[in-house]
């Protein structure tokens, strides 16, 4: 059966003289500056802005519903269906539009560090800086690999093409569409580069489970003894920050997969939030941002071109994209053994969850399916302050298949490889957002180090009366009172009310997981268990 990838229109476009293939980083930087797409920082990074769209646009994301996907995709608000005819019509309109551009850029690479599981892909971009972004985020082929490279998926990015919802079947001028039949990702109307990265992650979340490989929205690192840690969490919870640990080697900061042989990074780079970034607090990330890196929506000093990471005038969702090689202490290739410890990260804006607690297997499954956190400002359009949300598997926006698919695979692997699981709150303490304070990064690092080094495995614990979580009574490097959120609140009654409210939200959200076992359902908050 013929696919769009095999049709002559795309191939003819790719063969035109104005289409640049596999440009080096210096050549792309020259193009970006010549085309006035970005500015050079004092350390040689490219700074670019994204206009109206400074975060992902989930309401504009679609999956093509056809014979391939109809009975497999978990359709709903996250995976919105669009018909094949509408997709193909818009695809041809975008290609016609791109034919008239002065220059286009193509990057060929891979998603997946494990050669047995990787996806060969190509990214066609209207902007040179988007191509640099793709080159830094995905896995770059060597000279031999580029000769043998045959893309199995193509991303077409046309940010200045604006859709007409009345004609094109979209919800706005922006659109992110994935066709698994045609193996095309079509992006338009948004300049936010993160859509390129996350669309391929969604693709991997669809194809890897068919190979009995678990895709995961997590960062990963490895200790001196070869012990592997995974850090699950939505954007803004600390995956990138906490995995970039000088005492451990970084495997990757956001997207991984777990096969029968161990874990591997899906990407070749990092996409770090850099709001309030400083060399003192996050030296590895700070030092990684130099020539070849891309700063997204970071404000520069007009005279020195030095980034002001504290300036949120464009968005709080400021980002830095850089290749893994910019981090000194990394694992190359980005492959490691089976995880010894799994950390679930949540940025709790209510300030009631404990900073760290050790989970039973049933609690691990409950909290993985719940995926509780607070969406932080700027991560998505319209989010101006933290909002409580439940995102199944800590990655619902990127999961085409039912959450049970990923949860069952995780449970099997926890059993098989006997991994310890912890819930870590990187959010607020002493009160809710606006009243309390964000938990100190130094405290969080101390707690995670203690967990990874086994210091909490036999520690005395206290069971929280609202959530049933086992809280260690002592942790090196952390004041004891910090471990117990109720003690950090000036008004204990106010804490109790907030805790009860959050516990009720957990129960209400979990009602949709009708397939969960009774043991897993009972592993949720102990207050008003239903």
Protein backbone atom coordinates (compact mmCIF):
# COMPACT_ATOMS: atom_id res chain seq x y z
CA UNK A 1 0.00 0.00 0.00
CA UNK A 2 1.40 3.37 -1.02
CA UNK A 3 2.11 5.90 1.71
CA UNK A 4 2.68 9.63 1.62
CA UNK A 5 6.35 9.02 2.40
CA UNK A 6 6.68 7.12 -0.87
CA UNK A 7 4.81 9.63 -3.00
CA UNK A 8 6.83 11.85 -5.27
CA UNK A 9 5.71 15.19 -3.85
CA UNK A 10 7.79 14.97 -0.68
CA UNK A 11 10.77 13.42 -2.44
CA UNK A 12 10.72 16.11 -5.11
CA UNK A 13 10.64 18.80 -2.44
CA UNK A 14 13.54 17.24 -0.56
CA UNK A 15 15.58 17.13 -3.78
CA UNK A 16 15.24 20.83 -4.56
CA UNK A 17 18.32 23.04 -4.42
CA UNK A 18 16.96 25.32 -1.68
CA UNK A 19 16.66 22.38 0.73
CA UNK A 20 19.78 22.01 2.90
CA UNK A 21 20.56 18.52 4.19
CA UNK A 22 22.46 17.65 7.35
CA UNK A 23 24.12 21.04 7.84
CA UNK A 24 26.78 21.18 10.54
CA UNK A 25 26.20 23.16 13.72
CA UNK A 26 28.43 26.08 12.54
CA UNK A 27 26.61 26.24 9.20
CA UNK A 28 23.22 26.22 10.91
CA UNK A 29 24.33 28.96 13.29
CA UNK A 30 25.44 31.05 10.31
CA UNK A 31 22.08 30.51 8.63
CA UNK A 32 20.17 31.40 11.80
CA UNK A 33 22.05 34.68 12.21
CA UNK A 34 21.87 35.56 8.51
CA UNK A 35 18.11 34.91 8.44
CA UNK A 36 17.58 36.90 11.67
CA UNK A 37 15.97 33.91 13.35
CA UNK A 38 17.99 34.23 16.53
CA UNK A 39 20.70 36.02 18.47
CA UNK A 40 24.09 34.83 19.63
CA UNK A 41 24.62 34.86 23.40
CA UNK A 42 27.91 35.82 25.01
CA UNK A 43 28.84 32.10 25.22
CA UNK A 44 27.86 31.33 21.64
CA UNK A 45 24.45 29.75 22.16
CA UNK A 46 21.54 30.66 19.88
CA UNK A 47 18.66 32.54 21.49
CA UNK A 48 15.29 32.40 19.71
CA UNK A 49 11.75 33.42 20.59
CA UNK A 50 8.56 31.58 19.71
CA UNK A 51 5.95 34.33 19.57
CA UNK A 52 2.43 33.52 20.69
CA UNK A 53 3.08 29.85 21.45
CA UNK A 54 5.55 29.55 24.32
CA UNK A 55 4.52 26.05 25.35
CA UNK A 56 2.84 22.95 24.02
CA UNK A 57 -0.63 23.36 22.55
CA UNK A 58 -2.46 20.16 23.57
CA UNK A 59 -5.84 21.28 22.21
CA UNK A 60 -4.26 21.48 18.76
CA UNK A 61 -2.79 17.95 18.76
CA UNK A 62 -4.44 15.19 16.73
CA UNK A 63 -3.87 11.57 15.76
CA UNK A 64 -5.22 10.43 12.40
CA UNK A 65 -7.99 7.89 12.93
CA UNK A 66 -7.80 5.18 10.28
CA UNK A 67 -7.66 1.40 9.90
CA UNK A 68 -4.24 1.36 11.59
CA UNK A 69 -5.16 3.33 14.71
CA UNK A 70 -8.93 3.06 15.12
CA UNK A 71 -8.95 0.12 17.54
CA UNK A 72 -5.61 0.79 19.25
CA UNK A 73 -5.45 4.46 20.25
CA UNK A 74 -6.96 5.65 23.53
CA UNK A 75 -9.19 8.32 21.97
CA UNK A 76 -10.34 11.34 23.97
CA UNK A 77 -9.28 14.84 24.94
CA UNK A 78 -5.58 13.91 24.79
CA UNK A 79 -5.68 11.86 21.60
CA UNK A 80 -8.13 13.79 19.46
CA UNK A 81 -9.10 12.00 16.24
CA UNK A 82 -8.94 13.55 12.80
CA UNK A 83 -9.82 11.73 9.60
CA UNK A 84 -7.28 10.70 7.00
CA UNK A 85 -8.78 12.80 4.21
CA UNK A 86 -8.52 15.98 6.28
CA UNK A 87 -4.92 15.16 7.19
CA UNK A 88 -3.83 14.43 3.61
CA UNK A 89 -5.48 17.59 2.29
CA UNK A 90 -3.71 19.75 4.88
CA UNK A 91 -0.43 17.90 4.32
CA UNK A 92 -0.46 18.79 0.62
CA UNK A 93 -1.31 22.41 1.43
CA UNK A 94 1.69 22.59 3.77
CA UNK A 95 4.03 21.06 1.18
CA UNK A 96 2.81 23.53 -1.44
CA UNK A 97 3.49 26.32 1.04
CA UNK A 98 6.99 25.06 1.81
CA UNK A 99 7.86 24.86 -1.89
CA UNK A 100 7.65 28.65 -1.98
CA UNK A 101 10.05 29.22 0.92
CA UNK A 102 13.54 30.49 0.10
CA UNK A 103 15.27 27.80 2.17
CA UNK A 104 14.36 24.61 4.00
CA UNK A 105 16.41 22.38 6.27
CA UNK A 106 16.52 18.61 6.75
CA UNK A 107 18.04 16.63 9.60
CA UNK A 108 18.27 12.83 9.57
CA UNK A 109 18.84 10.97 12.80
CA UNK A 110 17.39 8.49 15.24
CA UNK A 111 15.12 8.16 18.24
CA UNK A 112 16.47 5.46 20.52
CA UNK A 113 20.06 4.81 21.61
CA UNK A 114 19.60 1.04 21.39
CA UNK A 115 20.30 0.11 17.77
CA UNK A 116 17.88 -2.81 18.03
CA UNK A 117 14.99 -0.53 18.95
CA UNK A 118 15.79 2.82 17.35
CA UNK A 119 13.57 4.71 14.91
CA UNK A 120 15.27 6.29 11.87
CA UNK A 121 13.65 9.69 11.30
CA UNK A 122 14.00 12.89 9.31
CA UNK A 123 12.92 16.39 10.28
CA UNK A 124 12.06 18.93 7.57
CA UNK A 125 11.94 22.46 8.99
CA UNK A 126 11.12 25.91 7.73
CA UNK A 127 13.36 27.52 10.36
CA UNK A 128 17.09 26.90 10.59
CA UNK A 129 16.94 27.16 14.38
CA UNK A 130 14.32 24.41 14.53
CA UNK A 131 16.70 22.22 12.56
CA UNK A 132 19.50 23.00 15.02
CA UNK A 133 17.07 22.10 17.82
CA UNK A 134 16.27 18.76 16.16
CA UNK A 135 19.96 18.03 15.62
CA UNK A 136 20.67 18.61 19.32
CA UNK A 137 17.63 16.72 20.62
CA UNK A 138 17.74 13.54 18.54
CA UNK A 139 20.56 11.03 18.07
CA UNK A 140 23.01 12.11 15.40
CA UNK A 141 24.26 9.49 12.90
CA UNK A 142 27.91 8.96 12.06
CA UNK A 143 29.20 9.03 8.48
CA UNK A 144 28.44 5.37 7.81
CA UNK A 145 24.99 5.57 9.38
CA UNK A 146 23.98 8.59 7.31
CA UNK A 147 24.83 6.69 4.11
CA UNK A 148 22.58 3.80 5.14
CA UNK A 149 19.87 5.97 6.72
CA UNK A 150 16.30 5.41 5.53
CA UNK A 151 13.75 7.43 7.47
CA UNK A 152 10.80 5.49 8.85
CA UNK A 153 9.09 8.64 10.14
CA UNK A 154 9.15 12.24 8.88
CA UNK A 155 8.43 15.43 10.80
CA UNK A 156 7.30 18.35 8.63
CA UNK A 157 7.44 21.66 10.52
CA UNK A 158 5.95 24.81 8.95
CA UNK A 159 5.48 27.31 11.79
CA UNK A 160 4.52 30.27 9.59
CA UNK A 161 1.75 28.30 7.87
CA UNK A 162 -1.49 29.24 9.62
CA UNK A 163 -4.39 26.83 9.37
CA UNK A 164 -7.96 27.98 8.78
CA UNK A 165 -10.11 25.97 11.21
CA UNK A 166 -13.21 26.35 9.03
CA UNK A 167 -11.44 24.91 6.01
CA UNK A 168 -8.70 22.69 7.48
CA UNK A 169 -10.59 20.97 10.29
CA UNK A 170 -8.30 22.25 13.07
CA UNK A 171 -9.18 23.95 16.34
CA UNK A 172 -6.99 27.00 15.68
CA UNK A 173 -4.25 28.23 13.39
CA UNK A 174 -1.87 25.75 15.05
CA UNK A 175 -1.84 21.99 14.53
CA UNK A 176 0.23 18.97 15.48
CA UNK A 177 -0.95 15.86 13.64
CA UNK A 178 0.45 12.32 13.70
CA UNK A 179 -0.37 9.78 11.02
CA UNK A 180 0.88 6.30 11.86
CA UNK A 181 -0.42 5.03 8.51
CA UNK A 182 1.60 7.56 6.50
CA UNK A 183 4.34 7.82 9.16
CA UNK A 184 4.22 11.61 9.10
CA UNK A 185 4.14 14.24 11.85
CA UNK A 186 2.69 17.51 10.52
CA UNK A 187 3.27 20.69 12.54
CA UNK A 188 2.16 24.19 11.66
CA UNK A 189 1.11 27.53 13.13
CA UNK A 190 3.37 27.25 16.20
CA UNK A 191 7.03 28.16 16.56
CA UNK A 192 7.46 26.28 19.84
CA UNK A 193 10.24 23.78 19.12
CA UNK A 194 9.13 21.41 21.87
CA UNK A 195 6.32 20.16 19.61
CA UNK A 196 8.95 18.50 17.37
CA UNK A 197 10.51 16.63 20.28
CA UNK A 198 7.27 15.58 21.96
CA UNK A 199 5.58 14.41 18.77
CA UNK A 200 8.34 11.85 18.21
CA UNK A 201 8.04 10.79 21.86
CA UNK A 202 4.34 10.14 21.19
CA UNK A 203 5.34 8.05 18.18
CA UNK A 204 7.73 5.99 20.31
CA UNK A 205 5.03 5.53 22.94
CA UNK A 206 2.91 3.94 20.22
CA UNK A 207 5.42 1.65 18.53
CA UNK A 208 7.66 0.44 21.39
CA UNK A 209 5.03 -1.50 23.42
CA UNK A 210 4.45 -3.62 20.30
CA UNK A 211 8.07 -4.76 20.77
CA UNK A 212 7.56 -5.44 24.50
CA UNK A 213 9.57 -2.32 25.34
CA UNK A 214 8.22 0.16 27.91
CA UNK A 215 8.57 3.84 26.86
CA UNK A 216 8.82 6.18 29.86
CA UNK A 217 8.57 9.91 30.50
CA UNK A 218 11.55 9.97 32.82
CA UNK A 219 15.16 11.00 33.24
CA UNK A 220 17.87 8.54 34.22
CA UNK A 221 21.36 8.38 35.67
CA UNK A 222 23.79 5.79 36.95
CA UNK A 223 26.01 5.65 40.06
CA UNK A 224 29.62 4.60 40.46
CA UNK A 225 28.57 1.04 41.25
CA UNK A 226 26.43 0.81 38.12
CA UNK A 227 23.17 1.37 40.00
CA UNK A 228 20.52 2.93 37.76
CA UNK A 229 17.87 5.45 38.85
CA UNK A 230 14.79 6.61 36.95
CA UNK A 231 13.04 9.93 37.63
CA UNK A 232 9.42 10.11 36.44
CA UNK A 233 7.54 13.38 36.34
CA UNK A 234 5.80 15.92 34.17
CA UNK A 235 7.48 19.06 32.92
CA UNK A 236 8.67 21.30 35.73
CA UNK A 237 8.87 18.63 38.43
CA UNK A 238 12.66 18.39 38.32
CA UNK A 239 13.57 15.48 36.03
CA UNK A 240 16.32 17.37 34.24
CA UNK A 241 17.65 19.12 37.33
CA UNK A 242 17.76 16.05 39.57
CA UNK A 243 19.22 13.69 36.99
CA UNK A 244 22.06 16.15 36.26
CA UNK A 245 23.94 15.14 39.39
CA UNK A 246 27.73 15.65 39.60
CA UNK A 247 28.00 12.46 41.66
CA UNK A 248 26.29 10.31 39.03
CA UNK A 249 26.58 9.90 35.26
CA UNK A 250 23.68 11.18 33.19
CA UNK A 251 21.93 8.79 30.81
CA UNK A 252 19.27 11.27 29.72
CA UNK A 253 16.92 13.93 31.03
CA UNK A 254 13.42 13.20 29.72
CA UNK A 255 12.62 10.15 27.59
CA UNK A 256 13.74 6.54 28.05
CA UNK A 257 12.66 3.01 27.32
CA UNK A 258 13.00 -0.23 29.31
CA UNK A 259 13.60 -3.45 27.39
CA UNK A 260 14.55 -6.94 28.54
CA UNK A 261 18.19 -5.85 28.34
CA UNK A 262 17.94 -2.66 30.42
CA UNK A 263 17.15 0.97 29.69
CA UNK A 264 18.13 3.30 26.87
CA UNK A 265 17.67 6.97 26.12
CA UNK A 266 15.27 7.86 23.33
CA UNK A 267 17.02 11.19 22.73
CA UNK A 268 20.47 12.56 22.08
CA UNK A 269 20.10 15.78 24.02
CA UNK A 270 18.44 17.63 26.90
CA UNK A 271 15.59 20.14 26.94
CA UNK A 272 15.96 21.84 30.30
CA UNK A 273 13.71 24.40 31.90
CA UNK A 274 15.99 27.28 32.81
CA UNK A 275 13.78 29.60 34.84
CA UNK A 276 15.96 30.97 37.67
CA UNK A 277 18.89 28.89 36.42
CA UNK A 278 22.17 29.59 38.20
CA UNK A 279 25.65 28.11 38.13
CA UNK A 280 25.56 27.67 41.89
CA UNK A 281 22.34 25.60 42.00
CA UNK A 282 22.58 23.69 38.70
CA UNK A 283 26.20 23.84 37.48
CA UNK A 284 25.94 21.03 34.92
CA UNK A 285 23.00 22.59 33.10
CA UNK A 286 24.39 26.12 33.37
CA UNK A 287 27.77 25.09 31.95
CA UNK A 288 26.17 23.05 29.14
CA UNK A 289 24.69 26.14 27.49
CA UNK A 290 27.32 27.30 25.02
CA UNK A 291 27.98 27.12 21.28
CA UNK A 292 25.55 24.74 19.62
CA UNK A 293 22.91 25.09 22.33
CA UNK A 294 19.53 26.72 21.76
CA UNK A 295 17.90 29.04 24.29
CA UNK A 296 14.15 29.34 23.82
CA UNK A 297 12.37 32.50 25.03
CA UNK A 298 15.22 33.47 27.36
CA UNK A 299 15.65 37.23 27.63
CA UNK A 300 19.13 38.59 26.85
CA UNK A 301 20.83 41.74 28.07
CA UNK A 302 20.72 44.01 24.99
CA UNK A 303 24.35 45.10 25.45
CA UNK A 304 26.20 42.01 26.71
CA UNK A 305 23.86 39.31 25.27
CA UNK A 306 24.12 37.58 28.62
CA UNK A 307 21.00 35.52 29.44
CA UNK A 308 18.80 36.73 32.29
CA UNK A 309 17.36 33.47 33.55
CA UNK A 310 15.25 35.29 36.12
CA UNK A 311 13.34 37.31 33.51
CA UNK A 312 9.92 35.78 32.85
CA UNK A 313 8.58 38.59 30.66
CA UNK A 314 8.24 36.25 27.66
CA UNK A 315 7.21 33.12 29.59
CA UNK A 316 8.09 31.11 32.67
CA UNK A 317 8.63 28.16 30.33
CA UNK A 318 12.11 29.26 29.25
CA UNK A 319 14.14 26.39 27.82
CA UNK A 320 17.64 25.31 26.89
CA UNK A 321 18.31 22.57 24.34
CA UNK A 322 21.78 21.05 24.17
CA UNK A 323 23.38 17.73 23.20
CA UNK A 324 24.33 15.21 25.86
CA UNK A 325 27.99 15.80 25.02
CA UNK A 326 27.71 19.24 26.63
CA UNK A 327 27.40 17.45 29.98
CA UNK A 328 30.78 16.23 31.21
CA UNK A 329 29.58 13.22 33.17
CA UNK A 330 27.41 11.23 30.75
CA UNK A 331 26.97 7.62 29.64
CA UNK A 332 27.85 7.10 25.98
CA UNK A 333 26.05 5.46 24.30
CA UNK A 334 23.02 6.25 26.47
CA UNK A 335 22.35 2.67 27.52
CA UNK A 336 22.41 1.11 31.01
CA UNK A 337 21.20 -1.88 33.00
CA UNK A 338 17.92 -2.40 34.81
CA UNK A 339 16.85 0.26 37.35
CA UNK A 340 17.59 -0.25 41.03
CA UNK A 341 15.45 2.71 42.12
CA UNK A 342 12.48 4.54 40.63
CA UNK A 343 11.59 8.06 41.75
CA UNK A 344 8.15 9.53 41.10
CA UNK A 345 8.43 13.33 41.13
CA UNK A 346 5.51 15.61 41.85
CA UNK A 347 5.44 19.38 42.26
CA UNK A 348 2.59 19.56 44.78
CA UNK A 349 1.20 23.10 44.76
CA UNK A 350 -1.02 22.37 47.78
CA UNK A 351 2.03 21.82 50.00
CA UNK A 352 0.63 18.75 51.78
CA UNK A 353 2.51 15.77 50.30
CA UNK A 354 5.65 14.70 52.15
CA UNK A 355 9.02 15.52 50.53
CA UNK A 356 9.83 11.80 50.29
CA UNK A 357 8.11 8.51 51.05
CA UNK A 358 8.86 4.88 50.19
CA UNK A 359 6.12 3.12 48.26
CA UNK A 360 4.92 -0.44 48.34
CA UNK A 361 4.43 -2.08 44.94
CA UNK A 362 0.68 -1.43 45.17
CA UNK A 363 1.27 2.22 46.09
CA UNK A 364 3.72 2.49 43.22
CA UNK A 365 1.07 1.29 40.78
CA UNK A 366 -1.53 3.62 42.29
CA UNK A 367 0.66 6.70 42.04
CA UNK A 368 1.95 5.77 38.57
CA UNK A 369 -1.61 5.55 37.28
CA UNK A 370 -2.57 8.73 39.14
CA UNK A 371 0.42 10.75 37.95
CA UNK A 372 -0.37 13.65 40.26
CA UNK A 373 1.44 16.95 39.97
CA UNK A 374 0.74 20.63 39.42
CA UNK A 375 1.02 22.05 35.93
CA UNK A 376 3.48 24.88 36.24
CA UNK A 377 3.14 28.28 34.62
CA UNK A 378 4.04 28.45 30.95
CA UNK A 379 4.33 24.72 30.28
CA UNK A 380 1.09 24.89 28.31
CA UNK A 381 -0.81 27.79 26.80
CA UNK A 382 -3.13 29.45 29.32
CA UNK A 383 -1.39 28.14 32.44
CA UNK A 384 -0.35 31.18 34.45
CA UNK A 385 -0.06 29.60 37.90
CA UNK A 386 0.21 26.02 39.18
CA UNK A 387 -2.90 23.90 38.70
CA UNK A 388 -3.48 20.47 40.25
CA UNK A 389 -3.63 17.79 37.60
CA UNK A 390 -3.55 14.01 37.25
CA UNK A 391 -1.63 12.72 34.27
CA UNK A 392 -1.62 8.94 33.95
CA UNK A 393 1.85 7.38 33.95
CA UNK A 394 3.34 10.85 34.49
CA UNK A 395 3.01 11.43 30.77
CA UNK A 396 -0.63 11.30 29.64
CA UNK A 397 -0.20 14.02 26.94
CA UNK A 398 2.21 11.72 25.08
CA UNK A 399 0.50 8.32 25.46
CA UNK A 400 -1.47 7.15 22.41
CA UNK A 401 -2.33 3.80 24.01
CA UNK A 402 -4.49 3.17 27.12
CA UNK A 403 -2.66 3.94 30.42
CA UNK A 404 -3.16 0.32 31.49
CA UNK A 405 -0.77 -0.76 28.73
CA UNK A 406 2.13 1.14 30.26
CA UNK A 407 1.14 0.55 33.90
CA UNK A 408 0.97 -3.22 33.49
CA UNK A 409 4.37 -3.26 31.81
CA UNK A 410 5.89 -1.18 34.63
CA UNK A 411 4.40 -3.41 37.31
CA UNK A 412 5.83 -6.50 35.63
CA UNK A 413 9.29 -4.94 35.46
CA UNK A 414 9.23 -3.76 39.09
CA UNK A 415 8.42 -7.33 40.07
CA UNK A 416 10.98 -8.87 37.76
CA UNK A 417 13.90 -6.62 38.71
CA UNK A 418 12.94 -5.76 42.31
CA UNK A 419 13.27 -1.98 41.99
CA UNK A 420 12.60 0.29 44.99
CA UNK A 421 10.08 3.07 44.35
CA UNK A 422 9.87 6.48 46.07
CA UNK A 423 7.44 9.38 45.80
CA UNK A 424 9.28 12.73 46.02
CA UNK A 425 7.54 16.10 46.30
CA UNK A 426 9.58 18.88 44.69
CA UNK A 427 6.77 21.38 45.20
CA UNK A 428 5.71 23.46 48.16
CA UNK A 429 6.14 23.22 51.93
CA UNK A 430 4.81 25.34 54.79
CA UNK A 431 1.70 26.25 52.84
CA UNK A 432 0.24 26.12 49.37
CA UNK A 433 1.50 28.02 46.33
CA UNK A 434 1.54 31.72 47.16
CA UNK A 435 1.91 31.12 50.90
CA UNK A 436 4.51 28.40 51.40
CA UNK A 437 7.95 28.04 49.86
CA UNK A 438 9.31 25.68 47.21
CA UNK A 439 11.19 22.83 48.89
CA UNK A 440 14.91 23.58 48.75
CA UNK A 441 16.73 21.81 45.94
CA UNK A 442 19.55 20.92 48.35
CA UNK A 443 17.06 19.09 50.58
CA UNK A 444 15.60 17.19 47.63
CA UNK A 445 19.07 16.17 46.45
CA UNK A 446 19.95 14.94 49.95
CA UNK A 447 16.78 12.85 50.13
CA UNK A 448 17.34 11.32 46.72
CA UNK A 449 20.98 10.53 47.50
CA UNK A 450 19.89 8.82 50.70
CA UNK A 451 17.30 6.79 48.80
CA UNK A 452 19.70 5.76 46.05
CA UNK A 453 22.44 4.83 48.52
CA UNK A 454 20.09 2.62 50.53
CA UNK A 455 20.08 4.83 53.63
CA UNK A 456 16.26 4.96 53.71
CA UNK A 457 15.55 1.28 53.06
CA UNK A 458 15.71 0.37 56.74
CA UNK A 459 14.96 3.81 58.24
CA UNK A 460 12.21 4.25 60.83
CA UNK A 461 9.04 5.52 59.19
CA UNK A 462 5.83 7.26 60.13
CA UNK A 463 2.60 6.56 58.24
CA UNK A 464 0.88 9.72 57.09
CA UNK A 465 -2.76 9.66 58.30
CA UNK A 466 -4.19 11.20 55.13
CA UNK A 467 -2.27 9.49 52.34
CA UNK A 468 -1.01 6.29 53.97
CA UNK A 469 2.53 7.09 52.84
CA UNK A 470 5.52 5.84 54.84
CA UNK A 471 7.69 8.87 55.68
CA UNK A 472 11.24 8.37 56.99
CA UNK A 473 11.63 10.02 60.39
CA UNK A 474 15.20 11.10 59.59
CA UNK A 475 17.23 11.77 56.49
CA UNK A 476 20.85 12.98 56.38
CA UNK A 477 21.15 16.59 55.29
CA UNK A 478 17.48 17.42 55.90
CA UNK A 479 15.95 18.95 59.06
CA UNK A 480 13.59 16.38 60.57
CA UNK A 481 10.63 18.77 60.63
CA UNK A 482 10.88 19.29 56.85
CA UNK A 483 10.03 15.61 56.34
CA UNK A 484 6.61 16.13 57.91
CA UNK A 485 4.64 18.75 55.94
CA UNK A 486 2.06 19.35 58.68
CA UNK A 487 4.83 20.59 61.00
CA UNK A 488 5.93 23.19 58.45
CA UNK A 489 2.51 24.86 58.30
CA UNK A 490 1.76 27.70 60.71
CA UNK A 491 -1.90 26.64 60.73
CA UNK A 492 -2.24 22.89 61.30
CA UNK A 493 -6.03 22.97 60.76
CA UNK A 494 -5.50 24.59 57.38
CA UNK A 495 -3.07 21.80 56.51
CA UNK A 496 -5.62 19.16 57.50
CA UNK A 497 -8.28 20.72 55.28
CA UNK A 498 -5.92 20.95 52.31
CA UNK A 499 -4.76 17.35 52.83
CA UNK A 500 -8.36 16.10 52.96
CA UNK A 501 -9.17 18.04 49.80
CA UNK A 502 -6.24 16.59 47.88
CA UNK A 503 -6.96 13.06 49.13
CA UNK A 504 -10.52 13.38 47.84
CA UNK A 505 -9.21 14.50 44.43
CA UNK A 506 -7.02 11.40 44.28
CA UNK A 507 -10.03 9.16 44.97
CA UNK A 508 -12.23 10.95 42.45
CA UNK A 509 -9.59 10.72 39.74
CA UNK A 510 -8.91 7.03 40.36
CA UNK A 511 -12.52 6.03 39.75
CA UNK A 512 -11.78 5.88 36.03
CA UNK A 513 -9.27 3.06 36.53
CA UNK A 514 -11.93 0.41 36.88
CA UNK A 515 -9.53 -2.31 35.77
CA UNK A 516 -7.15 -1.74 38.73
CA UNK A 517 -7.07 -4.52 41.33
CA UNK A 518 -8.59 -3.99 44.77
CA UNK A 519 -5.11 -4.03 46.33
CA UNK A 520 -4.03 -1.15 44.07
CA UNK A 521 -7.23 0.81 44.72
CA UNK A 522 -6.68 0.43 48.48
CA UNK A 523 -3.11 1.74 48.15
CA UNK A 524 -4.36 5.29 47.66
CA UNK A 525 -4.95 7.95 50.34
CA UNK A 526 -6.35 6.52 53.55
CA UNK A 527 -8.63 9.50 54.13
CA UNK A 528 -12.16 8.83 52.80
CA UNK A 529 -11.06 5.77 50.91
CA UNK A 530 -13.79 4.72 48.53
